[in-house]
Amino acid sequence: MPLVANNAASRLAVSIGAADTQISLQAGTGSAFPAPSGDWFPITLIKPSCEFEIVHCTARDTDVLTVVRACEGTGVTNMIVKT
């Protein structure tokens, strides 16, 4: 059964490309998300343009999430962090 976190939200610390399976969150925000151990939880990555990708998070280490990309019928989307 998937894990859930009610309205957990963060921003990316660095951009992610199509081949990336680790997502770095802004410092200190990872604790808002579950720490899966043999389970996973869904995350929706959303661009300002409303384009989105659903990923499944299989591990969390502080502010770094390990994910399976392009889940639930969505495609891989590059996410660019603008500074």
N, C-alpha and C. Protein backbone atom coordinates (compact mmCIF):
# COMPACT_ATOMS: atom_id res chain seq x y z
N MET A 1 0.85 -1.18 0.00
CA MET A 1 0.00 0.00 0.00
C MET A 1 0.90 1.24 0.00
N PRO A 2 0.57 2.22 -0.83
CA PRO A 2 1.39 3.43 -0.87
C PRO A 2 1.26 4.26 0.40
N LEU A 3 2.32 4.97 0.71
CA LEU A 3 2.32 5.91 1.82
C LEU A 3 1.76 7.24 1.34
N VAL A 4 1.33 8.07 2.25
CA VAL A 4 0.85 9.41 1.87
C VAL A 4 1.33 10.44 2.89
N ALA A 5 1.42 11.67 2.43
CA ALA A 5 1.68 12.81 3.29
C ALA A 5 0.67 13.87 2.90
N ASN A 6 -0.12 14.30 3.83
CA ASN A 6 -1.19 15.25 3.54
C ASN A 6 -0.63 16.62 3.19
N ASN A 7 -0.76 17.00 1.92
CA ASN A 7 -0.36 18.31 1.42
C ASN A 7 1.11 18.65 1.63
N ALA A 8 1.98 17.66 1.62
CA ALA A 8 3.42 17.94 1.70
C ALA A 8 3.83 18.67 0.42
N ALA A 9 4.66 19.69 0.56
CA ALA A 9 5.10 20.46 -0.60
C ALA A 9 6.52 20.96 -0.38
N SER A 10 7.23 21.13 -1.47
CA SER A 10 8.57 21.68 -1.44
C SER A 10 8.89 22.21 -2.83
N ARG A 11 10.07 22.76 -2.98
CA ARG A 11 10.60 23.18 -4.28
C ARG A 11 11.89 22.42 -4.51
N LEU A 12 12.22 22.25 -5.79
CA LEU A 12 13.47 21.59 -6.13
C LEU A 12 14.65 22.49 -5.78
N ALA A 13 15.72 21.87 -5.29
CA ALA A 13 16.95 22.63 -5.01
C ALA A 13 17.79 22.76 -6.28
N VAL A 14 17.71 21.74 -7.14
CA VAL A 14 18.44 21.74 -8.41
C VAL A 14 17.54 21.19 -9.51
N SER A 15 17.84 21.55 -10.74
CA SER A 15 17.06 21.06 -11.88
C SER A 15 17.20 19.55 -12.02
N ILE A 16 16.19 18.92 -12.62
CA ILE A 16 16.28 17.50 -12.93
C ILE A 16 16.02 17.29 -14.41
N GLY A 17 16.80 16.37 -14.99
CA GLY A 17 16.63 16.01 -16.39
C GLY A 17 15.89 14.70 -16.52
N ALA A 18 15.67 14.28 -17.74
CA ALA A 18 14.88 13.08 -18.02
C ALA A 18 15.45 11.81 -17.41
N ALA A 19 16.77 11.71 -17.28
CA ALA A 19 17.39 10.49 -16.77
C ALA A 19 17.58 10.49 -15.25
N ASP A 20 17.31 11.60 -14.58
CA ASP A 20 17.55 11.70 -13.14
C ASP A 20 16.52 10.90 -12.35
N THR A 21 17.00 10.18 -11.34
CA THR A 21 16.11 9.43 -10.45
C THR A 21 16.24 9.89 -9.00
N GLN A 22 17.01 10.94 -8.78
CA GLN A 22 17.09 11.55 -7.46
C GLN A 22 16.69 13.01 -7.56
N ILE A 23 15.87 13.43 -6.63
CA ILE A 23 15.36 14.80 -6.59
C ILE A 23 15.85 15.45 -5.31
N SER A 24 16.59 16.54 -5.43
CA SER A 24 17.05 17.29 -4.26
C SER A 24 16.04 18.40 -3.97
N LEU A 25 15.52 18.39 -2.75
CA LEU A 25 14.56 19.40 -2.33
C LEU A 25 15.29 20.55 -1.63
N GLN A 26 14.61 21.68 -1.51
CA GLN A 26 15.19 22.79 -0.76
C GLN A 26 15.52 22.32 0.65
N ALA A 27 16.64 22.80 1.16
CA ALA A 27 17.14 22.37 2.46
C ALA A 27 16.08 22.49 3.55
N GLY A 28 15.97 21.42 4.34
CA GLY A 28 15.07 21.43 5.48
C GLY A 28 13.64 21.06 5.21
N THR A 29 13.29 20.77 3.94
CA THR A 29 11.88 20.49 3.62
C THR A 29 11.58 19.00 3.45
N GLY A 30 12.60 18.16 3.39
CA GLY A 30 12.39 16.73 3.18
C GLY A 30 11.59 16.06 4.28
N SER A 31 11.69 16.57 5.49
CA SER A 31 10.99 15.95 6.62
C SER A 31 9.47 16.02 6.50
N ALA A 32 8.95 16.81 5.58
CA ALA A 32 7.50 16.88 5.35
C ALA A 32 6.99 15.63 4.63
N PHE A 33 7.91 14.84 4.07
CA PHE A 33 7.56 13.66 3.29
C PHE A 33 7.86 12.38 4.06
N PRO A 34 7.12 11.29 3.78
CA PRO A 34 7.40 10.01 4.44
C PRO A 34 8.80 9.50 4.08
N ALA A 35 9.31 8.57 4.88
CA ALA A 35 10.57 7.89 4.59
C ALA A 35 10.23 6.43 4.30
N PRO A 36 10.02 6.09 3.02
CA PRO A 36 9.58 4.74 2.68
C PRO A 36 10.62 3.68 3.04
N SER A 37 10.12 2.53 3.44
CA SER A 37 10.96 1.37 3.70
C SER A 37 10.25 0.18 3.09
N GLY A 38 10.52 -0.07 1.82
CA GLY A 38 9.84 -1.14 1.11
C GLY A 38 8.53 -0.70 0.49
N ASP A 39 8.09 0.51 0.77
CA ASP A 39 6.87 1.07 0.20
C ASP A 39 7.24 2.22 -0.72
N TRP A 40 6.26 2.97 -1.15
CA TRP A 40 6.48 4.16 -1.96
C TRP A 40 5.34 5.13 -1.71
N PHE A 41 5.54 6.37 -2.15
CA PHE A 41 4.44 7.33 -2.12
C PHE A 41 4.49 8.15 -3.40
N PRO A 42 3.31 8.59 -3.87
CA PRO A 42 3.26 9.37 -5.11
C PRO A 42 3.61 10.83 -4.87
N ILE A 43 4.25 11.41 -5.85
CA ILE A 43 4.55 12.85 -5.86
C ILE A 43 4.16 13.38 -7.23
N THR A 44 3.54 14.54 -7.26
CA THR A 44 3.27 15.21 -8.53
C THR A 44 4.23 16.38 -8.66
N LEU A 45 5.05 16.33 -9.70
CA LEU A 45 5.96 17.44 -10.02
C LEU A 45 5.21 18.35 -10.98
N ILE A 46 5.12 19.63 -10.66
CA ILE A 46 4.33 20.56 -11.47
C ILE A 46 5.18 21.75 -11.88
N LYS A 47 5.15 22.04 -13.19
CA LYS A 47 5.83 23.24 -13.72
C LYS A 47 4.89 24.43 -13.62
N PRO A 48 5.43 25.65 -13.65
CA PRO A 48 4.57 26.84 -13.66
C PRO A 48 3.58 26.84 -14.83
N SER A 49 3.94 26.15 -15.92
CA SER A 49 3.06 26.07 -17.09
C SER A 49 1.93 25.06 -16.89
N CYS A 50 1.88 24.42 -15.72
CA CYS A 50 0.91 23.39 -15.35
C CYS A 50 1.21 22.02 -15.97
N GLU A 51 2.29 21.88 -16.72
CA GLU A 51 2.72 20.57 -17.19
C GLU A 51 3.17 19.80 -15.95
N PHE A 52 2.84 18.50 -15.89
CA PHE A 52 3.18 17.75 -14.68
C PHE A 52 3.64 16.34 -14.99
N GLU A 53 4.28 15.74 -13.99
CA GLU A 53 4.72 14.35 -14.05
C GLU A 53 4.47 13.74 -12.67
N ILE A 54 3.94 12.53 -12.66
CA ILE A 54 3.76 11.80 -11.41
C ILE A 54 4.93 10.84 -11.27
N VAL A 55 5.55 10.86 -10.09
CA VAL A 55 6.65 9.95 -9.78
C VAL A 55 6.30 9.18 -8.52
N HIS A 56 6.96 8.04 -8.33
CA HIS A 56 6.80 7.27 -7.10
C HIS A 56 8.10 7.36 -6.33
N CYS A 57 8.04 7.86 -5.11
CA CYS A 57 9.22 7.98 -4.26
C CYS A 57 9.41 6.67 -3.51
N THR A 58 10.60 6.07 -3.66
CA THR A 58 10.89 4.79 -3.03
C THR A 58 11.86 4.92 -1.86
N ALA A 59 12.49 6.10 -1.72
CA ALA A 59 13.41 6.33 -0.61
C ALA A 59 13.57 7.83 -0.38
N ARG A 60 13.84 8.19 0.88
CA ARG A 60 14.14 9.59 1.22
C ARG A 60 15.33 9.60 2.17
N ASP A 61 16.33 10.41 1.83
CA ASP A 61 17.48 10.63 2.70
C ASP A 61 17.57 12.13 2.94
N THR A 62 17.08 12.56 4.08
CA THR A 62 16.99 13.97 4.46
C THR A 62 16.21 14.73 3.40
N ASP A 63 16.88 15.49 2.53
CA ASP A 63 16.19 16.31 1.52
C ASP A 63 16.36 15.76 0.11
N VAL A 64 16.75 14.49 -0.02
CA VAL A 64 16.93 13.86 -1.34
C VAL A 64 15.96 12.70 -1.47
N LEU A 65 15.16 12.74 -2.52
CA LEU A 65 14.18 11.68 -2.79
C LEU A 65 14.67 10.83 -3.95
N THR A 66 14.54 9.51 -3.82
CA THR A 66 14.80 8.59 -4.93
C THR A 66 13.45 8.23 -5.52
N VAL A 67 13.33 8.38 -6.84
CA VAL A 67 12.01 8.23 -7.47
C VAL A 67 12.06 7.34 -8.71
N VAL A 68 10.90 6.79 -9.02
CA VAL A 68 10.64 6.12 -10.29
C VAL A 68 9.89 7.14 -11.13
N ARG A 69 10.42 7.46 -12.29
CA ARG A 69 9.86 8.54 -13.11
C ARG A 69 8.70 8.07 -13.98
N ALA A 70 7.92 9.02 -14.45
CA ALA A 70 6.86 8.83 -15.45
C ALA A 70 5.86 7.74 -15.06
N CYS A 71 5.28 7.86 -13.88
CA CYS A 71 4.31 6.87 -13.40
C CYS A 71 2.88 7.28 -13.73
N GLU A 72 2.00 6.33 -13.61
CA GLU A 72 0.56 6.55 -13.74
C GLU A 72 0.18 7.23 -15.06
N GLY A 73 0.86 6.81 -16.13
CA GLY A 73 0.52 7.29 -17.47
C GLY A 73 1.09 8.64 -17.84
N THR A 74 1.93 9.24 -16.97
CA THR A 74 2.53 10.53 -17.31
C THR A 74 3.88 10.31 -17.99
N GLY A 75 4.36 11.33 -18.67
CA GLY A 75 5.66 11.27 -19.33
C GLY A 75 6.72 11.97 -18.50
N VAL A 76 7.97 11.68 -18.82
CA VAL A 76 9.08 12.33 -18.13
C VAL A 76 9.13 13.80 -18.51
N THR A 77 9.29 14.66 -17.53
CA THR A 77 9.34 16.09 -17.75
C THR A 77 10.60 16.67 -17.11
N ASN A 78 11.39 17.39 -17.89
CA ASN A 78 12.54 18.09 -17.31
C ASN A 78 12.00 19.21 -16.42
N MET A 79 12.60 19.36 -15.27
CA MET A 79 12.20 20.43 -14.34
C MET A 79 13.39 21.34 -14.13
N ILE A 80 13.26 22.59 -14.52
CA ILE A 80 14.35 23.56 -14.46
C ILE A 80 14.14 24.48 -13.27
N VAL A 81 15.18 24.59 -12.45
CA VAL A 81 15.14 25.53 -11.33
C VAL A 81 15.77 26.83 -11.80
N LYS A 82 15.00 27.89 -11.73
CA LYS A 82 15.53 29.21 -12.13
C LYS A 82 16.03 29.92 -10.91
N THR A 83 17.22 30.51 -11.04
CA THR A 83 17.78 31.23 -9.91
C THR A 83 17.68 32.73 -10.10
